[in-house]
Amino acid sequence: MLNSTLLDSIANRREALKSLITLGGGAAAAGVGLSACAQESAPPAASPAPPMPAGIQPVEQTINFQDPAQNLRSFVKTMGNLDPAMETVGWFGGDIFAVTGPDKPLQKMFGVEGMGVLRTEPQEDGSYRIFNRECAFYTHPFTGAYMDTWENPFTGEEVKVSPIHNMVVNAEIAPIFKMDFDGVVKEIPFTPPWWVQEKINTAMSMFEVHIVAPSPMQPAEWPRESAGPMNRISEMFHRSVRLSELQDEDQTSANYDGVWTRIGPWLPWMLQGQADGHLLYRTFMTRPGTIDLMPDRLLTQVADKLGEEYFVSPPADTWGQQNDSSFSVYMAENEPAPAL
């Protein structure tokens, strides 16, 4: 989950805002008409403010998120742990949809549920190394059961499902974010925005990665597995934390809940070839913190299908080696499929 246009969204929001203003104006006009017909009377007493939800207290913001060092420290504290001896266990799950054309609705293909284990190491230059390992299993779109096979609704073919099992997905984060995408190192300015609401003790971060790069699976060699010569991938991570936890210097981590959104090509095991379209992932993500707090069924599935080495983060000596991805792992474990 580390591998991660707003113009349309902004335009849509602008039109929605116009509609709201129009509706608001109509409501206001109606209100004037009603008050003109009403007898004069004293204004009603103001209702008391509702009590704050249990456990929520206003917090004064003390972090300057415009300062790169404080921003980066807050980001690392949220996604991982500032203590290099501590591992962070994350859980994610949701649905994956096929996007096949502007005149067709999204179609749910399958679900996904997985986990990641990461550890951070601060460096003398102020950057952080992230040692991350991740795995996930695809689930039946309606029952939620883990799938070993899947019937492709476009071709009618039953195919073998390949789970996500990436042993190494390391990264370095600093004012410039660097990450290896299938052998291509991308440098992305690290300026994640934060939204803070002190009244409800909440801070929210957004981190995005948008890339277009040559696919490691070229159609000439992988005609049924490759979605095309280039891969366009977008990953968006939204995390929400308690501001008080983020600002507490005695805490080395801040628990989060959030959303992971991904736009990417067809998965190799779908055997879609270069068919028009792509996949949209919509999932939750959260941090149970430790392995023992993960869902039992997921832990059992990981141990039985992949092994308990996925319960720990990569060791330090993995730094510098090429990262795994769904494409590179599939290529290492499979041969090109025969023609349909």
C-alpha atoms as a PDB file:
ATOM      1  CA  MET A   1       0.000   0.000   0.000  1.00  0.00           C
ATOM      2  CA  LEU A   2       2.852   2.365  -0.153  1.00  0.00           C
ATOM      3  CA  ASN A   3       2.848   2.362  -3.984  1.00  0.00           C
ATOM      4  CA  SER A   4       0.113   5.329  -4.132  1.00  0.00           C
ATOM      5  CA  THR A   5      -7.358  14.693 -11.555  1.00  0.00           C
ATOM      6  CA  LEU A   6      -8.684  16.934  -9.148  1.00  0.00           C
ATOM      7  CA  LEU A   7     -10.009  19.393 -11.787  1.00  0.00           C
ATOM      8  CA  ASP A   8     -13.149  17.379 -12.473  1.00  0.00           C
ATOM      9  CA  SER A   9     -13.724  16.974  -8.739  1.00  0.00           C
ATOM     10  CA  ILE A  10     -13.317  20.718  -8.179  1.00  0.00           C
ATOM     11  CA  ALA A  11     -15.694  21.482 -11.032  1.00  0.00           C
ATOM     12  CA  ASN A  12     -18.259  19.044  -9.666  1.00  0.00           C
ATOM     13  CA  ARG A  13     -17.967  20.526  -6.192  1.00  0.00           C
ATOM     14  CA  ARG A  14     -18.375  24.023  -7.672  1.00  0.00           C
ATOM     15  CA  GLU A  15     -21.592  23.006  -9.420  1.00  0.00           C
ATOM     16  CA  ALA A  16     -22.823  21.322  -6.250  1.00  0.00           C
ATOM     17  CA  LEU A  17     -22.071  24.495  -4.298  1.00  0.00           C
ATOM     18  CA  LYS A  18     -24.068  26.565  -6.832  1.00  0.00           C
ATOM     19  CA  SER A  19     -27.010  24.212  -6.348  1.00  0.00           C
ATOM     20  CA  LEU A  20     -26.762  24.525  -2.583  1.00  0.00           C
ATOM     21  CA  ILE A  21     -26.652  28.310  -2.837  1.00  0.00           C
ATOM     22  CA  THR A  22     -29.720  28.262  -5.084  1.00  0.00           C
ATOM     23  CA  LEU A  23     -31.552  25.989  -2.678  1.00  0.00           C
ATOM     24  CA  GLY A  24     -30.433  28.116   0.245  1.00  0.00           C
ATOM     25  CA  GLY A  25     -31.694  31.281  -1.459  1.00  0.00           C
ATOM     26  CA  GLY A  26     -35.065  29.667  -2.083  1.00  0.00           C
ATOM     27  CA  ALA A  27     -35.310  28.547   1.507  1.00  0.00           C
ATOM     28  CA  ALA A  28     -34.367  32.013   2.720  1.00  0.00           C
ATOM     29  CA  ALA A  29     -36.987  33.634   0.501  1.00  0.00           C
ATOM     30  CA  ALA A  30     -39.601  31.205   1.790  1.00  0.00           C
ATOM     31  CA  GLY A  31     -38.577  32.036   5.313  1.00  0.00           C
ATOM     32  CA  VAL A  32     -39.081  35.764   4.729  1.00  0.00           C
ATOM     33  CA  GLY A  33     -42.535  35.125   3.340  1.00  0.00           C
ATOM     34  CA  LEU A  34     -43.499  32.985   6.301  1.00  0.00           C
ATOM     35  CA  SER A  35     -42.206  35.511   8.824  1.00  0.00           C
ATOM     36  CA  ALA A  36     -44.162  38.278   7.138  1.00  0.00           C
ATOM     37  CA  CYS A  37     -47.375  36.321   7.770  1.00  0.00           C
ATOM     38  CA  ALA A  38     -46.461  35.493  11.365  1.00  0.00           C
ATOM     39  CA  GLN A  39     -47.353  37.650  14.332  1.00  0.00           C
ATOM     40  CA  GLU A  40     -44.557  39.587  15.954  1.00  0.00           C
ATOM     41  CA  SER A  41     -43.085  37.717  18.903  1.00  0.00           C
ATOM     42  CA  ALA A  42     -39.914  37.546  20.917  1.00  0.00           C
ATOM     43  CA  PRO A  43     -37.180  35.396  19.363  1.00  0.00           C
ATOM     44  CA  PRO A  44     -36.955  31.919  20.896  1.00  0.00           C
ATOM     45  CA  ALA A  45     -34.256  31.304  23.449  1.00  0.00           C
ATOM     46  CA  ALA A  46     -31.084  29.852  21.998  1.00  0.00           C
ATOM     47  CA  SER A  47     -30.773  26.120  22.485  1.00  0.00           C
ATOM     48  CA  PRO A  48     -27.822  25.007  24.599  1.00  0.00           C
ATOM     49  CA  ALA A  49     -24.872  23.634  22.663  1.00  0.00           C
ATOM     50  CA  PRO A  50     -24.904  19.843  22.510  1.00  0.00           C
ATOM     51  CA  PRO A  51     -22.346  18.132  24.722  1.00  0.00           C
ATOM     52  CA  MET A  52     -19.076  16.951  23.179  1.00  0.00           C
ATOM     53  CA  PRO A  53     -18.972  13.225  22.395  1.00  0.00           C
ATOM     54  CA  ALA A  54     -17.483  11.115  25.161  1.00  0.00           C
ATOM     55  CA  GLY A  55     -13.712  11.118  25.069  1.00  0.00           C
ATOM     56  CA  ILE A  56     -13.467  14.149  22.744  1.00  0.00           C
ATOM     57  CA  GLN A  57     -12.028  17.363  24.165  1.00  0.00           C
ATOM     58  CA  PRO A  58     -10.792  20.457  22.327  1.00  0.00           C
ATOM     59  CA  VAL A  59      -7.027  20.554  21.833  1.00  0.00           C
ATOM     60  CA  GLU A  60      -4.785  23.510  21.044  1.00  0.00           C
ATOM     61  CA  GLN A  61      -2.675  22.943  17.946  1.00  0.00           C
ATOM     62  CA  THR A  62       1.056  23.180  18.652  1.00  0.00           C
ATOM     63  CA  ILE A  63       2.495  21.452  15.557  1.00  0.00           C
ATOM     64  CA  ASN A  64       3.474  23.679  12.649  1.00  0.00           C
ATOM     65  CA  PHE A  65       2.588  21.496   9.663  1.00  0.00           C
ATOM     66  CA  GLN A  66       4.110  24.073   7.317  1.00  0.00           C
ATOM     67  CA  ASP A  67       7.522  23.228   8.772  1.00  0.00           C
ATOM     68  CA  PRO A  68       8.921  20.302   6.718  1.00  0.00           C
ATOM     69  CA  ALA A  69      10.597  18.622   9.697  1.00  0.00           C
ATOM     70  CA  GLN A  70       7.473  18.749  11.883  1.00  0.00           C
ATOM     71  CA  ASN A  71       5.279  17.662   8.973  1.00  0.00           C
ATOM     72  CA  LEU A  72       7.513  14.695   8.239  1.00  0.00           C
ATOM     73  CA  ARG A  73       7.765  13.664  11.890  1.00  0.00           C
ATOM     74  CA  SER A  74       3.980  13.783  12.215  1.00  0.00           C
ATOM     75  CA  PHE A  75       3.545  11.707   9.068  1.00  0.00           C
ATOM     76  CA  VAL A  76       5.993   9.030  10.248  1.00  0.00           C
ATOM     77  CA  LYS A  77       4.408   8.966  13.702  1.00  0.00           C
ATOM     78  CA  THR A  78       1.016   8.379  12.085  1.00  0.00           C
ATOM     79  CA  MET A  79       1.897   5.735   9.493  1.00  0.00           C
ATOM     80  CA  GLY A  80       4.464   3.953  11.672  1.00  0.00           C
ATOM     81  CA  ASN A  81       6.422   4.438  14.857  1.00  0.00           C
ATOM     82  CA  LEU A  82       9.260   6.840  15.581  1.00  0.00           C
ATOM     83  CA  ASP A  83      10.938   4.127  17.655  1.00  0.00           C
ATOM     84  CA  PRO A  84      13.048   1.987  15.256  1.00  0.00           C
ATOM     85  CA  ALA A  85      12.658  -1.011  17.574  1.00  0.00           C
ATOM     86  CA  MET A  86       8.862  -1.007  17.240  1.00  0.00           C
ATOM     87  CA  GLU A  87       6.904  -2.564  14.384  1.00  0.00           C
ATOM     88  CA  THR A  88       3.537  -1.269  13.216  1.00  0.00           C
ATOM     89  CA  VAL A  89       0.859  -3.655  11.960  1.00  0.00           C
ATOM     90  CA  GLY A  90      -1.766  -2.266   9.582  1.00  0.00           C
ATOM     91  CA  TRP A  91      -5.023  -3.790   8.346  1.00  0.00           C
ATOM     92  CA  PHE A  92      -6.897  -2.865   5.172  1.00  0.00           C
ATOM     93  CA  GLY A  93      -9.852  -4.150   3.188  1.00  0.00           C
ATOM     94  CA  GLY A  94     -12.576  -3.180   0.768  1.00  0.00           C
ATOM     95  CA  ASP A  95     -13.741  -3.625  -2.811  1.00  0.00           C
ATOM     96  CA  ILE A  96     -12.189  -3.463  -6.276  1.00  0.00           C
ATOM     97  CA  PHE A  97     -14.221  -2.258  -9.251  1.00  0.00           C
ATOM     98  CA  ALA A  98     -13.771  -2.455 -13.028  1.00  0.00           C
ATOM     99  CA  VAL A  99     -13.936   0.852 -14.890  1.00  0.00           C
ATOM    100  CA  THR A 100     -14.748  -0.056 -18.500  1.00  0.00           C
ATOM    101  CA  GLY A 101     -16.050   3.092 -20.182  1.00  0.00           C
ATOM    102  CA  PRO A 102     -17.761   6.471 -19.706  1.00  0.00           C
ATOM    103  CA  ASP A 103     -21.155   4.975 -20.587  1.00  0.00           C
ATOM    104  CA  LYS A 104     -20.958   2.014 -18.183  1.00  0.00           C
ATOM    105  CA  PRO A 105     -21.337   1.880 -14.398  1.00  0.00           C
ATOM    106  CA  LEU A 106     -18.534   0.561 -12.208  1.00  0.00           C
ATOM    107  CA  GLN A 107     -18.716  -3.203 -11.763  1.00  0.00           C
ATOM    108  CA  LYS A 108     -17.497  -4.898  -8.599  1.00  0.00           C
ATOM    109  CA  MET A 109     -14.924  -7.552  -9.486  1.00  0.00           C
ATOM    110  CA  PHE A 110     -13.903  -8.803  -6.039  1.00  0.00           C
ATOM    111  CA  GLY A 111     -12.963  -7.688  -2.573  1.00  0.00           C
ATOM    112  CA  VAL A 112      -9.571  -7.518  -0.909  1.00  0.00           C
ATOM    113  CA  GLU A 113      -8.302  -7.898   2.660  1.00  0.00           C
ATOM    114  CA  GLY A 114      -4.727  -7.674   3.793  1.00  0.00           C
ATOM    115  CA  MET A 115      -2.110  -6.462   6.196  1.00  0.00           C
ATOM    116  CA  GLY A 116       1.270  -4.798   6.313  1.00  0.00           C
ATOM    117  CA  VAL A 117       4.075  -4.696   8.859  1.00  0.00           C
ATOM    118  CA  LEU A 118       6.515  -1.814   8.826  1.00  0.00           C
ATOM    119  CA  ARG A 119       9.335  -0.338  10.833  1.00  0.00           C
ATOM    120  CA  THR A 120      10.969   3.083  10.491  1.00  0.00           C
ATOM    121  CA  GLU A 121      14.598   4.080  10.936  1.00  0.00           C
ATOM    122  CA  PRO A 122      15.544   7.772  11.343  1.00  0.00           C
ATOM    123  CA  GLN A 123      18.642   8.880   9.446  1.00  0.00           C
ATOM    124  CA  GLU A 124      21.210  11.546  10.294  1.00  0.00           C
ATOM    125  CA  ASP A 125      20.076  13.733   7.386  1.00  0.00           C
ATOM    126  CA  GLY A 126      16.542  13.958   8.806  1.00  0.00           C
ATOM    127  CA  SER A 127      15.026  11.380   6.482  1.00  0.00           C
ATOM    128  CA  TYR A 128      13.405   8.094   7.474  1.00  0.00           C
ATOM    129  CA  ARG A 129      13.812   4.642   5.991  1.00  0.00           C
ATOM    130  CA  ILE A 130      10.628   2.593   5.862  1.00  0.00           C
ATOM    131  CA  PHE A 131      10.959  -1.201   5.957  1.00  0.00           C
ATOM    132  CA  ASN A 132       7.616  -2.582   4.852  1.00  0.00           C
ATOM    133  CA  ARG A 133       6.169  -6.012   4.066  1.00  0.00           C
ATOM    134  CA  GLU A 134       2.624  -6.532   2.792  1.00  0.00           C
ATOM    135  CA  CYS A 135       0.195  -9.243   1.764  1.00  0.00           C
ATOM    136  CA  ALA A 136      -3.475  -9.463   0.851  1.00  0.00           C
ATOM    137  CA  PHE A 137      -6.083 -11.906  -0.391  1.00  0.00           C
ATOM    138  CA  TYR A 138      -8.843 -11.347  -2.897  1.00  0.00           C
ATOM    139  CA  THR A 139     -12.347 -12.174  -1.746  1.00  0.00           C
ATOM    140  CA  HIS A 140     -15.634 -13.161  -3.349  1.00  0.00           C
ATOM    141  CA  PRO A 141     -17.525  -9.981  -4.321  1.00  0.00           C
ATOM    142  CA  PHE A 142     -20.694 -11.046  -2.472  1.00  0.00           C
ATOM    143  CA  THR A 143     -19.778 -13.614   0.196  1.00  0.00           C
ATOM    144  CA  GLY A 144     -16.435 -12.143   1.273  1.00  0.00           C
ATOM    145  CA  ALA A 145     -14.792 -15.594   1.272  1.00  0.00           C
ATOM    146  CA  TYR A 146     -11.143 -15.790   0.270  1.00  0.00           C
ATOM    147  CA  MET A 147     -10.862 -16.976  -3.340  1.00  0.00           C
ATOM    148  CA  ASP A 148      -8.482 -19.477  -4.926  1.00  0.00           C
ATOM    149  CA  THR A 149     -10.182 -19.177  -8.326  1.00  0.00           C
ATOM    150  CA  TRP A 150     -12.281 -16.490  -9.977  1.00  0.00           C
ATOM    151  CA  GLU A 151     -14.583 -16.456 -12.973  1.00  0.00           C
ATOM    152  CA  ASN A 152     -13.757 -13.553 -15.265  1.00  0.00           C
ATOM    153  CA  PRO A 153     -17.128 -11.963 -16.150  1.00  0.00           C
ATOM    154  CA  PHE A 154     -15.741 -10.523 -19.373  1.00  0.00           C
ATOM    155  CA  THR A 155     -14.339 -13.768 -20.788  1.00  0.00           C
ATOM    156  CA  GLY A 156     -16.201 -16.430 -18.801  1.00  0.00           C
ATOM    157  CA  GLU A 157     -12.851 -18.068 -18.024  1.00  0.00           C
ATOM    158  CA  GLU A 158     -12.073 -19.450 -14.583  1.00  0.00           C
ATOM    159  CA  VAL A 159      -8.610 -18.281 -13.536  1.00  0.00           C
ATOM    160  CA  LYS A 160      -6.293 -18.937 -10.619  1.00  0.00           C
ATOM    161  CA  VAL A 161      -6.126 -16.056  -8.124  1.00  0.00           C
ATOM    162  CA  SER A 162      -2.684 -14.834  -7.069  1.00  0.00           C
ATOM    163  CA  PRO A 163      -2.669 -13.097  -3.669  1.00  0.00           C
ATOM    164  CA  ILE A 164      -0.537 -10.061  -2.958  1.00  0.00           C
ATOM    165  CA  HIS A 165       2.639 -11.189  -1.219  1.00  0.00           C
ATOM    166  CA  ASN A 166       5.368  -8.594  -1.393  1.00  0.00           C
ATOM    167  CA  MET A 167       8.259  -9.421   0.905  1.00  0.00           C
ATOM    168  CA  VAL A 168       9.978  -6.061   0.464  1.00  0.00           C
ATOM    169  CA  VAL A 169       8.281  -2.700  -0.176  1.00  0.00           C
ATOM    170  CA  ASN A 170      10.805  -0.291   1.314  1.00  0.00           C
ATOM    171  CA  ALA A 171      10.926   3.463   0.877  1.00  0.00           C
ATOM    172  CA  GLU A 172      12.777   6.558   2.015  1.00  0.00           C
ATOM    173  CA  ILE A 173      10.778   9.619   2.990  1.00  0.00           C
ATOM    174  CA  ALA A 174      12.253  13.071   3.322  1.00  0.00           C
ATOM    175  CA  PRO A 175      11.464  16.461   1.807  1.00  0.00           C
ATOM    176  CA  ILE A 176      11.869  14.461  -1.426  1.00  0.00           C
ATOM    177  CA  PHE A 177      10.082  11.084  -1.399  1.00  0.00           C
ATOM    178  CA  LYS A 178      11.951   8.348  -3.276  1.00  0.00           C
ATOM    179  CA  MET A 179      10.534   4.954  -4.118  1.00  0.00           C
ATOM    180  CA  ASP A 180      11.378   2.071  -6.434  1.00  0.00           C
ATOM    181  CA  PHE A 181       8.506   1.159  -8.772  1.00  0.00           C
ATOM    182  CA  ASP A 182       9.555  -2.051 -10.562  1.00  0.00           C
ATOM    183  CA  GLY A 183      13.120  -0.869 -11.001  1.00  0.00           C
ATOM    184  CA  VAL A 184      12.264   2.779 -11.777  1.00  0.00           C
ATOM    185  CA  VAL A 185      13.097   5.200  -8.957  1.00  0.00           C
ATOM    186  CA  LYS A 186      10.666   8.111  -8.738  1.00  0.00           C
ATOM    187  CA  GLU A 187      11.310  11.329  -6.808  1.00  0.00           C
ATOM    188  CA  ILE A 188       8.178  13.056  -5.516  1.00  0.00           C
ATOM    189  CA  PRO A 189       8.104  16.275  -3.455  1.00  0.00           C
ATOM    190  CA  PHE A 190       7.005  15.335   0.047  1.00  0.00           C
ATOM    191  CA  THR A 191       4.450  17.994   0.907  1.00  0.00           C
ATOM    192  CA  PRO A 192       1.424  16.140   2.313  1.00  0.00           C
ATOM    193  CA  PRO A 193      -1.339  18.504   3.436  1.00  0.00           C
ATOM    194  CA  TRP A 194      -2.892  18.297   6.888  1.00  0.00           C
ATOM    195  CA  TRP A 195      -6.365  19.362   7.956  1.00  0.00           C
ATOM    196  CA  VAL A 196      -6.728  20.157  11.654  1.00  0.00           C
ATOM    197  CA  GLN A 197      -9.909  20.630  13.691  1.00  0.00           C
ATOM    198  CA  GLU A 198      -8.898  21.467  17.237  1.00  0.00           C
ATOM    199  CA  LYS A 199     -12.511  21.468  18.474  1.00  0.00           C
ATOM    200  CA  ILE A 200     -12.814  17.724  17.903  1.00  0.00           C
ATOM    201  CA  ASN A 201      -9.179  16.807  18.570  1.00  0.00           C
ATOM    202  CA  THR A 202      -8.601  15.632  14.991  1.00  0.00           C
ATOM    203  CA  ALA A 203      -5.799  15.908  12.439  1.00  0.00           C
ATOM    204  CA  MET A 204      -6.074  14.401   8.957  1.00  0.00           C
ATOM    205  CA  SER A 205      -3.313  13.822   6.418  1.00  0.00           C
ATOM    206  CA  MET A 206      -3.414  13.093   2.707  1.00  0.00           C
ATOM    207  CA  PHE A 207      -0.559  11.512   0.791  1.00  0.00           C
ATOM    208  CA  GLU A 208      -0.756  10.764  -2.935  1.00  0.00           C
ATOM    209  CA  VAL A 209       1.457   9.100  -5.535  1.00  0.00           C
ATOM    210  CA  HIS A 210       0.636   9.409  -9.245  1.00  0.00           C
ATOM    211  CA  ILE A 211       2.943   7.771 -11.803  1.00  0.00           C
ATOM    212  CA  VAL A 212       3.090   6.560 -15.379  1.00  0.00           C
ATOM    213  CA  ALA A 213       5.936   4.125 -16.066  1.00  0.00           C
ATOM    214  CA  PRO A 214       6.828   1.296 -18.460  1.00  0.00           C
ATOM    215  CA  SER A 215       5.181  -1.943 -17.410  1.00  0.00           C
ATOM    216  CA  PRO A 216       7.536  -4.709 -16.270  1.00  0.00           C
ATOM    217  CA  MET A 217       5.175  -7.070 -18.115  1.00  0.00           C
ATOM    218  CA  GLN A 218       5.317  -6.198 -21.804  1.00  0.00           C
ATOM    219  CA  PRO A 219       2.507  -7.467 -24.085  1.00  0.00           C
ATOM    220  CA  ALA A 220       4.941  -9.132 -26.492  1.00  0.00           C
ATOM    221  CA  GLU A 221       6.028 -11.589 -23.800  1.00  0.00           C
ATOM    222  CA  TRP A 222       2.918 -11.564 -21.593  1.00  0.00           C
ATOM    223  CA  PRO A 223       0.042 -11.044 -24.055  1.00  0.00           C
ATOM    224  CA  ARG A 224      -2.721 -12.155 -21.683  1.00  0.00           C
ATOM    225  CA  GLU A 225      -1.263 -10.875 -18.395  1.00  0.00           C
ATOM    226  CA  SER A 226      -0.044  -7.439 -19.497  1.00  0.00           C
ATOM    227  CA  ALA A 227      -2.500  -4.531 -19.578  1.00  0.00           C
ATOM    228  CA  GLY A 228      -0.215  -2.661 -21.986  1.00  0.00           C
ATOM    229  CA  PRO A 229       3.274  -1.247 -22.431  1.00  0.00           C
ATOM    230  CA  MET A 230       2.716   1.493 -19.817  1.00  0.00           C
ATOM    231  CA  ASN A 231       1.204   1.382 -16.348  1.00  0.00           C
ATOM    232  CA  ARG A 232      -0.664   4.353 -14.915  1.00  0.00           C
ATOM    233  CA  ILE A 233      -1.032   4.047 -11.146  1.00  0.00           C
ATOM    234  CA  SER A 234      -2.440   6.434  -8.582  1.00  0.00           C
ATOM    235  CA  GLU A 235      -2.488   5.735  -4.851  1.00  0.00           C
ATOM    236  CA  MET A 236      -4.150   8.008  -2.295  1.00  0.00           C
ATOM    237  CA  PHE A 237      -3.859   7.567   1.477  1.00  0.00           C
ATOM    238  CA  HIS A 238      -6.080   9.497   3.884  1.00  0.00           C
ATOM    239  CA  ARG A 239      -5.382   9.076   7.611  1.00  0.00           C
ATOM    240  CA  SER A 240      -7.192  10.580  10.589  1.00  0.00           C
ATOM    241  CA  VAL A 241      -5.595  10.737  14.063  1.00  0.00           C
ATOM    242  CA  ARG A 242      -6.198  12.298  17.453  1.00  0.00           C
ATOM    243  CA  LEU A 243      -4.335  15.611  17.482  1.00  0.00           C
ATOM    244  CA  SER A 244      -3.484  15.083  21.154  1.00  0.00           C
ATOM    245  CA  GLU A 245      -1.717  11.783  20.345  1.00  0.00           C
ATOM    246  CA  LEU A 246       0.194  13.415  17.527  1.00  0.00           C
ATOM    247  CA  GLN A 247       1.403  16.221  19.785  1.00  0.00           C
ATOM    248  CA  ASP A 248       2.234  14.056  22.810  1.00  0.00           C
ATOM    249  CA  GLU A 249       6.037  13.839  22.890  1.00  0.00           C
ATOM    250  CA  ASP A 250       5.858  10.778  25.126  1.00  0.00           C
ATOM    251  CA  GLN A 251       4.065   8.794  22.401  1.00  0.00           C
ATOM    252  CA  THR A 252       6.118   7.488  19.489  1.00  0.00           C
ATOM    253  CA  SER A 253       3.072   6.619  17.386  1.00  0.00           C
ATOM    254  CA  ALA A 254      -0.477   7.897  16.809  1.00  0.00           C
ATOM    255  CA  ASN A 255      -3.208   5.424  15.932  1.00  0.00           C
ATOM    256  CA  TYR A 256      -5.091   6.178  12.730  1.00  0.00           C
ATOM    257  CA  ASP A 257      -8.159   5.244  10.712  1.00  0.00           C
ATOM    258  CA  GLY A 258      -8.301   6.055   7.047  1.00  0.00           C
ATOM    259  CA  VAL A 259      -8.982   5.253   3.435  1.00  0.00           C
ATOM    260  CA  TRP A 260      -6.741   3.813   0.715  1.00  0.00           C
ATOM    261  CA  THR A 261      -7.780   4.498  -2.892  1.00  0.00           C
ATOM    262  CA  ARG A 262      -5.935   3.083  -5.884  1.00  0.00           C
ATOM    263  CA  ILE A 263      -6.362   3.380  -9.647  1.00  0.00           C
ATOM    264  CA  GLY A 264      -4.359   0.798 -11.549  1.00  0.00           C
ATOM    265  CA  PRO A 265      -4.283  -1.601 -14.494  1.00  0.00           C
ATOM    266  CA  TRP A 266      -5.862  -5.032 -14.690  1.00  0.00           C
ATOM    267  CA  LEU A 267      -4.110  -7.547 -12.449  1.00  0.00           C
ATOM    268  CA  PRO A 268      -1.982 -10.123 -14.294  1.00  0.00           C
ATOM    269  CA  TRP A 269      -3.931 -13.135 -13.011  1.00  0.00           C
ATOM    270  CA  MET A 270      -7.201 -11.713 -14.407  1.00  0.00           C
ATOM    271  CA  LEU A 271      -5.878 -12.504 -17.916  1.00  0.00           C
ATOM    272  CA  GLN A 272      -7.570  -9.424 -19.321  1.00  0.00           C
ATOM    273  CA  GLY A 273      -4.767  -8.620 -21.739  1.00  0.00           C
ATOM    274  CA  GLN A 274      -4.979  -5.149 -23.268  1.00  0.00           C
ATOM    275  CA  ALA A 275      -8.764  -4.836 -22.908  1.00  0.00           C
ATOM    276  CA  ASP A 276      -9.965  -1.276 -22.394  1.00  0.00           C
ATOM    277  CA  GLY A 277     -10.455  -0.290 -18.788  1.00  0.00           C
ATOM    278  CA  HIS A 278      -8.758  -0.381 -15.408  1.00  0.00           C
ATOM    279  CA  LEU A 279      -9.364  -1.098 -11.716  1.00  0.00           C
ATOM    280  CA  LEU A 280     -10.500   1.196  -8.920  1.00  0.00           C
ATOM    281  CA  TYR A 281      -9.761   0.157  -5.324  1.00  0.00           C
ATOM    282  CA  ARG A 282     -11.825   1.583  -2.456  1.00  0.00           C
ATOM    283  CA  THR A 283     -10.745   0.371   0.970  1.00  0.00           C
ATOM    284  CA  PHE A 284     -10.499   1.246   4.631  1.00  0.00           C
ATOM    285  CA  MET A 285      -7.196   1.123   6.463  1.00  0.00           C
ATOM    286  CA  THR A 286      -6.434   1.204  10.152  1.00  0.00           C
ATOM    287  CA  ARG A 287      -3.737   0.233  12.609  1.00  0.00           C
ATOM    288  CA  PRO A 288      -4.528  -2.484  15.142  1.00  0.00           C
ATOM    289  CA  GLY A 289      -0.902  -1.987  16.217  1.00  0.00           C
ATOM    290  CA  THR A 290       0.177  -5.542  16.976  1.00  0.00           C
ATOM    291  CA  ILE A 291      -0.286  -8.951  15.373  1.00  0.00           C
ATOM    292  CA  ASP A 292      -2.457 -10.286  18.184  1.00  0.00           C
ATOM    293  CA  LEU A 293      -5.087  -7.603  17.455  1.00  0.00           C
ATOM    294  CA  MET A 294      -5.490  -8.583  13.812  1.00  0.00           C
ATOM    295  CA  PRO A 295      -8.583 -10.546  12.631  1.00  0.00           C
ATOM    296  CA  ASP A 296      -8.127 -14.245  13.342  1.00  0.00           C
ATOM    297  CA  ARG A 297      -9.313 -15.392   9.920  1.00  0.00           C
ATOM    298  CA  LEU A 298      -6.732 -13.178   8.185  1.00  0.00           C
ATOM    299  CA  LEU A 299      -3.908 -14.365  10.435  1.00  0.00           C
ATOM    300  CA  THR A 300      -4.840 -17.979   9.746  1.00  0.00           C
ATOM    301  CA  GLN A 301      -4.980 -17.354   6.006  1.00  0.00           C
ATOM    302  CA  VAL A 302      -1.581 -15.641   5.977  1.00  0.00           C
ATOM    303  CA  ALA A 303       0.061 -18.373   8.059  1.00  0.00           C
ATOM    304  CA  ASP A 304      -1.443 -21.205   5.985  1.00  0.00           C
ATOM    305  CA  LYS A 305      -0.970 -19.734   2.516  1.00  0.00           C
ATOM    306  CA  LEU A 306       2.134 -17.555   2.811  1.00  0.00           C
ATOM    307  CA  GLY A 307       3.945 -18.180   6.085  1.00  0.00           C
ATOM    308  CA  GLU A 308       4.526 -16.358   9.342  1.00  0.00           C
ATOM    309  CA  GLU A 309       7.421 -14.361   7.897  1.00  0.00           C
ATOM    310  CA  TYR A 310       4.696 -11.955   6.745  1.00  0.00           C
ATOM    311  CA  PHE A 311       4.067 -11.140  10.404  1.00  0.00           C
ATOM    312  CA  VAL A 312       7.364  -9.195  10.649  1.00  0.00           C
ATOM    313  CA  SER A 313       8.889  -6.308   8.723  1.00  0.00           C
ATOM    314  CA  PRO A 314      11.874  -6.740   6.363  1.00  0.00           C
ATOM    315  CA  PRO A 315      15.310  -6.762   8.020  1.00  0.00           C
ATOM    316  CA  ALA A 316      17.756  -3.890   7.593  1.00  0.00           C
ATOM    317  CA  ASP A 317      19.851  -5.771   5.026  1.00  0.00           C
ATOM    318  CA  THR A 318      16.982  -5.557   2.518  1.00  0.00           C
ATOM    319  CA  TRP A 319      17.669  -1.847   2.111  1.00  0.00           C
ATOM    320  CA  GLY A 320      18.664  -1.062  -1.472  1.00  0.00           C
ATOM    321  CA  GLN A 321      17.223  -4.148  -3.118  1.00  0.00           C
ATOM    322  CA  GLN A 322      14.462  -3.861  -5.697  1.00  0.00           C
ATOM    323  CA  ASN A 323      10.963  -3.734  -4.260  1.00  0.00           C
ATOM    324  CA  ASP A 324       8.376  -6.385  -4.959  1.00  0.00           C
ATOM    325  CA  SER A 325       5.063  -5.674  -6.682  1.00  0.00           C
ATOM    326  CA  SER A 326       2.081  -7.686  -7.883  1.00  0.00           C
ATOM    327  CA  PHE A 327       3.676  -7.654 -11.338  1.00  0.00           C
ATOM    328  CA  SER A 328       7.234  -8.643 -10.460  1.00  0.00           C
ATOM    329  CA  VAL A 329       6.103 -11.392  -8.075  1.00  0.00           C
ATOM    330  CA  TYR A 330       3.712 -12.805 -10.674  1.00  0.00           C
ATOM    331  CA  MET A 331       6.470 -12.853 -13.284  1.00  0.00           C
ATOM    332  CA  ALA A 332       8.801 -14.709 -10.929  1.00  0.00           C
ATOM    333  CA  GLU A 333       6.214 -17.370 -10.106  1.00  0.00           C
ATOM    334  CA  ASN A 334       4.401 -17.908 -13.413  1.00  0.00           C
ATOM    335  CA  GLU A 335       4.839 -18.515 -17.118  1.00  0.00           C
ATOM    336  CA  PRO A 336       2.826 -16.666 -19.793  1.00  0.00           C
ATOM    337  CA  ALA A 337      -0.644 -18.138 -20.131  1.00  0.00           C
ATOM    338  CA  PRO A 338      -1.600 -19.937 -23.341  1.00  0.00           C
ATOM    339  CA  ALA A 339      -3.946 -18.244 -25.770  1.00  0.00           C
ATOM    340  CA  LEU A 340      -7.624 -18.389 -24.812  1.00  0.00           C
END
